[in-house]
Amino acid sequence: MTVHKYYKRGLVTAEQFDGTNVMADKYGLGSNWKHPQSSMWWAINTLEGQLTVQPGDWIATGVNGEHWPIADDIFKKTYAELPVIPQAVAYVIEWFQQNDETIGEIWRNLYEDVDDDWKEVPNLREPEEWMLDHQDTFTMAWSLGEWEVAE
C-alpha cells in the first residue's frame, strides 16, 4: 500500500483564547479547577467530547459552527491566514474564474499582453501591477478561491 500526503481543505475561523470570562462565555466554556492550589482550566464541548482549553490556545470554528481547541504551536504549524488582496484584484479573479480562464492564461497575458480578450476585462489595468508585484499572494488567492480584501 502506498502512503500519500494530504492537505486540509476548507476554511476555519479561529481566535486565540485569552483566558477571560468574556471569551469563555462567547464559546460556552465551562471552568474547572485542577485542585485547590492550582490554576483554573477551561473545558469546551466538541464533536469528540469535552476538551480542555488553556489561555494561548486557539478556538477554531468549522464550517458547521462546531468549535475545537488547538494548541498554539500546532495551530501555527497547521494554519495560515488567507491571502489579503485589493478589491480590484478580487474583482479580476472573480471575472476570470466566471469566464473559465486559467491562471496560466492570466500569467501569459500579464507578461506578454497578447490576447485581445484580455483587453475586454473591465477595470483590469489598475490591478495588473499589483498582481505582478504580488504573484505568490495572487496565485494563493486564485488557488484557494478564498481571500480577504484589504481595507
N, C-alpha and C. Protein backbone atom coordinates (compact mmCIF):
# COMPACT_ATOMS: atom_id res chain seq x y z
N MET A 1 0.85 -1.18 0.00
CA MET A 1 0.00 0.00 0.00
C MET A 1 0.89 1.24 0.00
N THR A 2 0.54 2.21 -0.83
CA THR A 2 1.30 3.44 -0.94
C THR A 2 0.74 4.48 0.01
N VAL A 3 1.61 5.13 0.73
CA VAL A 3 1.22 6.21 1.63
C VAL A 3 1.23 7.51 0.84
N HIS A 4 0.18 8.30 0.97
CA HIS A 4 0.08 9.58 0.29
C HIS A 4 0.05 10.70 1.32
N LYS A 5 0.43 11.89 0.90
CA LYS A 5 0.32 13.07 1.75
C LYS A 5 -0.96 13.81 1.37
N TYR A 6 -1.58 14.44 2.37
CA TYR A 6 -2.82 15.17 2.17
C TYR A 6 -2.70 16.55 2.80
N TYR A 7 -3.48 17.48 2.30
CA TYR A 7 -3.57 18.79 2.92
C TYR A 7 -5.00 19.03 3.33
N LYS A 8 -5.19 19.93 4.31
CA LYS A 8 -6.54 20.24 4.78
C LYS A 8 -7.21 21.19 3.81
N ARG A 9 -8.48 20.94 3.55
CA ARG A 9 -9.28 21.81 2.71
C ARG A 9 -10.37 22.42 3.56
N GLY A 10 -10.83 23.55 3.15
CA GLY A 10 -11.92 24.21 3.86
C GLY A 10 -11.38 25.26 4.81
N LEU A 11 -12.21 26.22 5.06
CA LEU A 11 -11.82 27.33 5.92
C LEU A 11 -12.31 27.12 7.33
N VAL A 12 -11.53 27.61 8.26
CA VAL A 12 -11.96 27.71 9.64
C VAL A 12 -11.71 29.14 10.08
N THR A 13 -12.50 29.59 11.01
CA THR A 13 -12.18 30.84 11.68
C THR A 13 -11.58 30.45 13.02
N ALA A 14 -10.74 31.28 13.55
CA ALA A 14 -10.10 30.96 14.82
C ALA A 14 -9.71 32.23 15.54
N GLU A 15 -9.72 32.16 16.85
CA GLU A 15 -9.20 33.26 17.63
C GLU A 15 -8.49 32.69 18.84
N GLN A 16 -7.45 33.40 19.24
CA GLN A 16 -6.63 32.91 20.34
C GLN A 16 -7.33 33.20 21.66
N PHE A 17 -7.47 32.16 22.48
CA PHE A 17 -8.16 32.27 23.76
C PHE A 17 -7.28 33.04 24.75
N ASP A 18 -7.86 34.08 25.34
CA ASP A 18 -7.10 34.91 26.26
C ASP A 18 -7.37 34.60 27.73
N GLY A 19 -8.22 33.61 28.00
CA GLY A 19 -8.49 33.22 29.37
C GLY A 19 -9.52 34.06 30.09
N THR A 20 -10.12 35.02 29.40
CA THR A 20 -11.10 35.88 30.06
C THR A 20 -12.48 35.25 30.08
N ASN A 21 -13.28 35.71 31.02
CA ASN A 21 -14.67 35.23 31.09
C ASN A 21 -15.46 35.64 29.86
N VAL A 22 -15.11 36.78 29.25
CA VAL A 22 -15.82 37.24 28.05
C VAL A 22 -15.68 36.20 26.94
N MET A 23 -14.44 35.76 26.69
CA MET A 23 -14.25 34.74 25.64
C MET A 23 -14.84 33.40 26.06
N ALA A 24 -14.71 33.07 27.34
CA ALA A 24 -15.28 31.81 27.82
C ALA A 24 -16.79 31.78 27.59
N ASP A 25 -17.45 32.90 27.86
CA ASP A 25 -18.90 32.98 27.63
C ASP A 25 -19.22 32.90 26.14
N LYS A 26 -18.41 33.55 25.32
CA LYS A 26 -18.63 33.54 23.87
C LYS A 26 -18.66 32.12 23.31
N TYR A 27 -17.78 31.25 23.83
CA TYR A 27 -17.68 29.88 23.32
C TYR A 27 -18.33 28.85 24.23
N GLY A 28 -19.04 29.30 25.25
CA GLY A 28 -19.73 28.38 26.14
C GLY A 28 -18.79 27.48 26.92
N LEU A 29 -17.64 28.02 27.32
CA LEU A 29 -16.66 27.22 28.05
C LEU A 29 -17.07 27.10 29.51
N GLY A 30 -16.81 25.94 30.06
CA GLY A 30 -17.01 25.74 31.48
C GLY A 30 -15.66 25.76 32.18
N SER A 31 -15.62 26.23 33.41
CA SER A 31 -14.34 26.27 34.11
C SER A 31 -14.29 25.17 35.16
N ASN A 32 -13.11 24.70 35.41
CA ASN A 32 -12.87 23.66 36.40
C ASN A 32 -11.56 23.98 37.11
N TRP A 33 -11.37 23.36 38.22
CA TRP A 33 -10.13 23.54 38.97
C TRP A 33 -9.38 22.22 38.96
N LYS A 34 -8.08 22.29 38.69
CA LYS A 34 -7.28 21.08 38.74
C LYS A 34 -7.22 20.56 40.16
N HIS A 35 -6.92 21.45 41.09
CA HIS A 35 -7.01 21.19 42.52
C HIS A 35 -6.98 22.55 43.20
N PRO A 36 -7.30 22.64 44.47
CA PRO A 36 -7.47 23.96 45.11
C PRO A 36 -6.26 24.88 45.00
N GLN A 37 -5.05 24.35 44.91
CA GLN A 37 -3.86 25.20 44.86
C GLN A 37 -3.41 25.50 43.42
N SER A 38 -4.09 24.99 42.44
CA SER A 38 -3.62 25.11 41.07
C SER A 38 -4.47 26.09 40.28
N SER A 39 -4.01 26.40 39.09
CA SER A 39 -4.73 27.34 38.24
C SER A 39 -5.95 26.70 37.60
N MET A 40 -6.85 27.55 37.18
CA MET A 40 -8.09 27.09 36.57
C MET A 40 -7.83 26.70 35.11
N TRP A 41 -8.57 25.75 34.60
CA TRP A 41 -8.56 25.44 33.18
C TRP A 41 -9.98 25.47 32.68
N TRP A 42 -10.13 25.58 31.40
CA TRP A 42 -11.44 25.70 30.77
C TRP A 42 -11.73 24.45 29.97
N ALA A 43 -13.00 24.15 29.83
CA ALA A 43 -13.43 22.98 29.04
C ALA A 43 -14.40 23.45 27.96
N ILE A 44 -14.26 22.86 26.78
CA ILE A 44 -15.14 23.18 25.65
C ILE A 44 -15.76 21.88 25.16
N ASN A 45 -17.03 21.94 24.85
CA ASN A 45 -17.72 20.78 24.29
C ASN A 45 -17.45 20.74 22.79
N THR A 46 -16.90 19.63 22.32
CA THR A 46 -16.59 19.46 20.90
C THR A 46 -17.34 18.25 20.36
N LEU A 47 -17.21 18.00 19.08
CA LEU A 47 -17.83 16.81 18.50
C LEU A 47 -17.22 15.53 19.06
N GLU A 48 -15.98 15.63 19.57
CA GLU A 48 -15.29 14.46 20.15
C GLU A 48 -15.46 14.37 21.66
N GLY A 49 -16.26 15.24 22.25
CA GLY A 49 -16.43 15.27 23.69
C GLY A 49 -15.84 16.54 24.28
N GLN A 50 -15.69 16.55 25.58
CA GLN A 50 -15.19 17.74 26.26
C GLN A 50 -13.65 17.75 26.24
N LEU A 51 -13.08 18.89 25.83
CA LEU A 51 -11.63 19.05 25.77
C LEU A 51 -11.24 20.29 26.55
N THR A 52 -10.00 20.33 27.01
CA THR A 52 -9.53 21.49 27.77
C THR A 52 -9.01 22.58 26.83
N VAL A 53 -9.13 23.81 27.30
CA VAL A 53 -8.63 24.98 26.59
C VAL A 53 -7.83 25.79 27.59
N GLN A 54 -6.61 26.13 27.21
CA GLN A 54 -5.74 26.95 28.04
C GLN A 54 -5.59 28.33 27.40
N PRO A 55 -5.35 29.37 28.19
CA PRO A 55 -5.03 30.66 27.56
C PRO A 55 -3.85 30.48 26.61
N GLY A 56 -3.94 31.07 25.43
CA GLY A 56 -2.92 30.92 24.40
C GLY A 56 -3.29 29.89 23.35
N ASP A 57 -4.20 28.95 23.69
CA ASP A 57 -4.72 28.02 22.69
C ASP A 57 -5.63 28.78 21.73
N TRP A 58 -5.87 28.19 20.59
CA TRP A 58 -6.79 28.75 19.61
C TRP A 58 -8.10 27.99 19.66
N ILE A 59 -9.20 28.71 19.48
CA ILE A 59 -10.50 28.06 19.37
C ILE A 59 -10.92 28.21 17.92
N ALA A 60 -11.00 27.08 17.24
CA ALA A 60 -11.38 27.07 15.83
C ALA A 60 -12.87 26.82 15.70
N THR A 61 -13.44 27.39 14.66
CA THR A 61 -14.85 27.18 14.35
C THR A 61 -14.92 26.63 12.93
N GLY A 62 -15.51 25.46 12.78
CA GLY A 62 -15.59 24.80 11.49
C GLY A 62 -16.74 25.27 10.65
N VAL A 63 -16.88 24.66 9.49
CA VAL A 63 -17.89 25.06 8.52
C VAL A 63 -19.31 24.83 9.01
N ASN A 64 -19.49 23.96 9.98
CA ASN A 64 -20.82 23.71 10.53
C ASN A 64 -21.04 24.37 11.88
N GLY A 65 -20.15 25.31 12.24
CA GLY A 65 -20.29 26.04 13.50
C GLY A 65 -19.72 25.31 14.71
N GLU A 66 -19.11 24.17 14.51
CA GLU A 66 -18.53 23.41 15.62
C GLU A 66 -17.22 24.06 16.07
N HIS A 67 -16.90 23.94 17.34
CA HIS A 67 -15.68 24.52 17.90
C HIS A 67 -14.76 23.41 18.40
N TRP A 68 -13.45 23.69 18.37
CA TRP A 68 -12.47 22.79 18.98
C TRP A 68 -11.22 23.59 19.30
N PRO A 69 -10.49 23.17 20.32
CA PRO A 69 -9.26 23.88 20.69
C PRO A 69 -8.06 23.34 19.92
N ILE A 70 -7.09 24.22 19.68
CA ILE A 70 -5.84 23.84 19.04
C ILE A 70 -4.71 24.53 19.80
N ALA A 71 -3.74 23.75 20.24
CA ALA A 71 -2.59 24.33 20.93
C ALA A 71 -1.88 25.31 19.99
N ASP A 72 -1.34 26.39 20.57
CA ASP A 72 -0.72 27.45 19.77
C ASP A 72 0.34 26.93 18.82
N ASP A 73 1.24 26.07 19.28
CA ASP A 73 2.32 25.59 18.41
C ASP A 73 1.78 24.76 17.25
N ILE A 74 0.77 23.96 17.50
CA ILE A 74 0.14 23.15 16.43
C ILE A 74 -0.59 24.06 15.46
N PHE A 75 -1.30 25.04 15.99
CA PHE A 75 -2.04 25.98 15.13
C PHE A 75 -1.10 26.67 14.16
N LYS A 76 0.03 27.16 14.65
CA LYS A 76 0.97 27.89 13.80
C LYS A 76 1.62 27.00 12.75
N LYS A 77 1.73 25.70 13.01
CA LYS A 77 2.29 24.77 12.03
C LYS A 77 1.25 24.33 11.00
N THR A 78 -0.02 24.42 11.35
CA THR A 78 -1.08 23.83 10.54
C THR A 78 -1.89 24.84 9.73
N TYR A 79 -2.05 26.05 10.24
CA TYR A 79 -2.94 27.02 9.60
C TYR A 79 -2.18 28.27 9.18
N ALA A 80 -2.67 28.92 8.15
CA ALA A 80 -2.14 30.19 7.69
C ALA A 80 -3.32 31.11 7.38
N GLU A 81 -3.10 32.40 7.53
CA GLU A 81 -4.15 33.35 7.21
C GLU A 81 -4.41 33.34 5.71
N LEU A 82 -5.63 33.70 5.35
CA LEU A 82 -5.96 33.83 3.94
C LEU A 82 -5.14 34.96 3.32
N PRO A 83 -4.87 34.87 2.03
CA PRO A 83 -4.18 35.97 1.38
C PRO A 83 -5.05 37.23 1.41
N VAL A 84 -4.40 38.38 1.51
CA VAL A 84 -5.09 39.67 1.52
C VAL A 84 -4.79 40.36 0.21
N ILE A 85 -5.85 40.70 -0.51
CA ILE A 85 -5.70 41.30 -1.84
C ILE A 85 -6.58 42.54 -1.95
N PRO A 86 -6.22 43.47 -2.84
CA PRO A 86 -7.08 44.63 -3.07
C PRO A 86 -8.41 44.24 -3.70
N GLN A 87 -9.42 45.06 -3.50
CA GLN A 87 -10.74 44.80 -4.06
C GLN A 87 -10.68 44.65 -5.58
N ALA A 88 -9.87 45.46 -6.24
CA ALA A 88 -9.76 45.39 -7.70
C ALA A 88 -9.22 44.04 -8.15
N VAL A 89 -8.31 43.46 -7.39
CA VAL A 89 -7.75 42.15 -7.73
C VAL A 89 -8.81 41.06 -7.48
N ALA A 90 -9.56 41.19 -6.41
CA ALA A 90 -10.65 40.24 -6.15
C ALA A 90 -11.64 40.25 -7.31
N TYR A 91 -11.95 41.43 -7.81
CA TYR A 91 -12.85 41.54 -8.96
C TYR A 91 -12.27 40.81 -10.17
N VAL A 92 -10.98 40.98 -10.42
CA VAL A 92 -10.34 40.33 -11.56
C VAL A 92 -10.40 38.82 -11.43
N ILE A 93 -10.09 38.30 -10.24
CA ILE A 93 -10.14 36.85 -10.02
C ILE A 93 -11.56 36.34 -10.30
N GLU A 94 -12.54 37.00 -9.74
CA GLU A 94 -13.92 36.56 -9.94
C GLU A 94 -14.30 36.61 -11.41
N TRP A 95 -13.91 37.68 -12.10
CA TRP A 95 -14.25 37.82 -13.51
C TRP A 95 -13.63 36.70 -14.33
N PHE A 96 -12.34 36.45 -14.13
CA PHE A 96 -11.66 35.42 -14.91
C PHE A 96 -12.20 34.02 -14.59
N GLN A 97 -12.47 33.74 -13.34
CA GLN A 97 -12.99 32.42 -13.00
C GLN A 97 -14.38 32.21 -13.57
N GLN A 98 -15.21 33.25 -13.59
CA GLN A 98 -16.54 33.14 -14.18
C GLN A 98 -16.46 32.95 -15.70
N ASN A 99 -15.36 33.39 -16.29
CA ASN A 99 -15.19 33.28 -17.74
C ASN A 99 -14.27 32.13 -18.12
N ASP A 100 -14.10 31.18 -17.20
CA ASP A 100 -13.35 29.94 -17.44
C ASP A 100 -11.91 30.16 -17.91
N GLU A 101 -11.28 31.22 -17.46
CA GLU A 101 -9.87 31.43 -17.76
C GLU A 101 -9.02 30.60 -16.80
N THR A 102 -7.82 30.26 -17.23
CA THR A 102 -6.90 29.55 -16.34
C THR A 102 -5.86 30.52 -15.82
N ILE A 103 -5.22 30.15 -14.73
CA ILE A 103 -4.19 31.02 -14.18
C ILE A 103 -3.01 31.12 -15.14
N GLY A 104 -2.76 30.08 -15.90
CA GLY A 104 -1.70 30.13 -16.90
C GLY A 104 -1.98 31.19 -17.95
N GLU A 105 -3.22 31.27 -18.40
CA GLU A 105 -3.59 32.30 -19.38
C GLU A 105 -3.42 33.70 -18.79
N ILE A 106 -3.74 33.83 -17.52
CA ILE A 106 -3.58 35.14 -16.87
C ILE A 106 -2.12 35.55 -16.85
N TRP A 107 -1.23 34.64 -16.41
CA TRP A 107 0.19 34.99 -16.35
C TRP A 107 0.75 35.26 -17.74
N ARG A 108 0.36 34.47 -18.71
CA ARG A 108 0.84 34.69 -20.07
C ARG A 108 0.44 36.08 -20.55
N ASN A 109 -0.81 36.44 -20.31
CA ASN A 109 -1.28 37.76 -20.75
C ASN A 109 -0.67 38.90 -19.94
N LEU A 110 -0.40 38.67 -18.68
CA LEU A 110 0.24 39.73 -17.89
C LEU A 110 1.64 40.03 -18.41
N TYR A 111 2.36 38.99 -18.78
CA TYR A 111 3.73 39.17 -19.24
C TYR A 111 3.82 39.55 -20.72
N GLU A 112 2.93 39.01 -21.54
CA GLU A 112 3.04 39.21 -22.97
C GLU A 112 1.99 40.15 -23.53
N ASP A 113 0.87 40.30 -22.80
CA ASP A 113 -0.23 41.16 -23.23
C ASP A 113 -0.60 40.88 -24.68
N VAL A 114 -0.87 39.57 -24.96
CA VAL A 114 -1.09 39.16 -26.35
C VAL A 114 -2.55 38.89 -26.70
N ASP A 115 -3.39 38.70 -25.74
CA ASP A 115 -4.75 38.26 -26.01
C ASP A 115 -5.69 39.46 -26.09
N ASP A 116 -6.39 39.59 -27.22
CA ASP A 116 -7.33 40.70 -27.38
C ASP A 116 -8.47 40.62 -26.36
N ASP A 117 -8.89 39.38 -25.99
CA ASP A 117 -9.94 39.22 -24.98
C ASP A 117 -9.52 39.85 -23.66
N TRP A 118 -8.24 39.81 -23.40
CA TRP A 118 -7.68 40.35 -22.17
C TRP A 118 -8.04 41.83 -22.03
N LYS A 119 -8.03 42.55 -23.12
CA LYS A 119 -8.31 43.99 -23.09
C LYS A 119 -9.80 44.27 -22.83
N GLU A 120 -10.65 43.24 -22.98
CA GLU A 120 -12.07 43.42 -22.73
C GLU A 120 -12.43 43.32 -21.25
N VAL A 121 -11.50 42.89 -20.42
CA VAL A 121 -11.78 42.75 -19.00
C VAL A 121 -11.94 44.13 -18.39
N PRO A 122 -13.10 44.43 -17.81
CA PRO A 122 -13.30 45.75 -17.21
C PRO A 122 -12.35 45.97 -16.03
N ASN A 123 -11.85 47.16 -15.91
CA ASN A 123 -11.04 47.59 -14.75
C ASN A 123 -9.80 46.74 -14.52
N LEU A 124 -9.17 46.27 -15.56
CA LEU A 124 -8.01 45.39 -15.39
C LEU A 124 -6.72 46.14 -15.14
N ARG A 125 -6.52 47.26 -15.77
CA ARG A 125 -5.22 47.93 -15.70
C ARG A 125 -4.82 48.28 -14.28
N GLU A 126 -5.76 48.65 -13.44
CA GLU A 126 -5.44 49.01 -12.05
C GLU A 126 -4.75 47.87 -11.29
N PRO A 127 -5.27 46.65 -11.33
CA PRO A 127 -4.65 45.58 -10.54
C PRO A 127 -3.46 44.89 -11.21
N GLU A 128 -3.20 45.15 -12.48
CA GLU A 128 -2.11 44.46 -13.18
C GLU A 128 -0.78 44.56 -12.44
N GLU A 129 -0.40 45.76 -12.07
CA GLU A 129 0.91 45.95 -11.42
C GLU A 129 0.94 45.24 -10.07
N TRP A 130 -0.16 45.31 -9.32
CA TRP A 130 -0.21 44.62 -8.03
C TRP A 130 -0.04 43.12 -8.23
N MET A 131 -0.72 42.56 -9.22
CA MET A 131 -0.65 41.13 -9.48
C MET A 131 0.78 40.71 -9.81
N LEU A 132 1.48 41.51 -10.59
CA LEU A 132 2.86 41.19 -10.94
C LEU A 132 3.80 41.34 -9.73
N ASP A 133 3.52 42.32 -8.89
CA ASP A 133 4.36 42.55 -7.71
C ASP A 133 4.07 41.57 -6.57
N HIS A 134 2.92 40.91 -6.59
CA HIS A 134 2.50 40.01 -5.51
C HIS A 134 2.03 38.67 -6.09
N GLN A 135 2.88 38.07 -6.89
CA GLN A 135 2.50 36.86 -7.61
C GLN A 135 2.11 35.71 -6.69
N ASP A 136 2.86 35.49 -5.62
CA ASP A 136 2.53 34.39 -4.71
C ASP A 136 1.18 34.60 -4.04
N THR A 137 0.92 35.82 -3.59
CA THR A 137 -0.35 36.12 -2.93
C THR A 137 -1.50 35.97 -3.91
N PHE A 138 -1.32 36.49 -5.13
CA PHE A 138 -2.36 36.37 -6.15
C PHE A 138 -2.64 34.90 -6.46
N THR A 139 -1.58 34.13 -6.66
CA THR A 139 -1.73 32.71 -7.00
C THR A 139 -2.41 31.95 -5.87
N MET A 140 -2.07 32.25 -4.64
CA MET A 140 -2.70 31.57 -3.49
C MET A 140 -4.19 31.91 -3.44
N ALA A 141 -4.53 33.18 -3.62
CA ALA A 141 -5.94 33.57 -3.61
C ALA A 141 -6.70 32.87 -4.73
N TRP A 142 -6.10 32.84 -5.91
CA TRP A 142 -6.73 32.17 -7.06
C TRP A 142 -6.95 30.69 -6.74
N SER A 143 -5.90 30.04 -6.24
CA SER A 143 -5.96 28.59 -6.00
C SER A 143 -6.97 28.23 -4.91
N LEU A 144 -6.97 29.01 -3.84
CA LEU A 144 -7.90 28.72 -2.74
C LEU A 144 -9.34 29.10 -3.11
N GLY A 145 -9.48 30.11 -3.95
CA GLY A 145 -10.81 30.62 -4.24
C GLY A 145 -11.38 31.39 -3.07
N GLU A 146 -10.51 31.75 -2.13
CA GLU A 146 -10.90 32.50 -0.92
C GLU A 146 -9.80 33.50 -0.62
N TRP A 147 -10.18 34.65 -0.08
CA TRP A 147 -9.22 35.68 0.27
C TRP A 147 -9.90 36.69 1.18
N GLU A 148 -9.09 37.54 1.75
CA GLU A 148 -9.58 38.72 2.48
C GLU A 148 -9.30 39.92 1.59
N VAL A 149 -10.20 40.90 1.62
CA VAL A 149 -9.99 42.11 0.85
C VAL A 149 -9.33 43.14 1.75
N ALA A 150 -8.25 43.76 1.26
CA ALA A 150 -7.53 44.77 2.02
C ALA A 150 -8.44 45.97 2.27
N GLU A 151 -8.31 46.52 3.44
CA GLU A 151 -9.13 47.70 3.79
C GLU A 151 -8.39 48.97 3.46
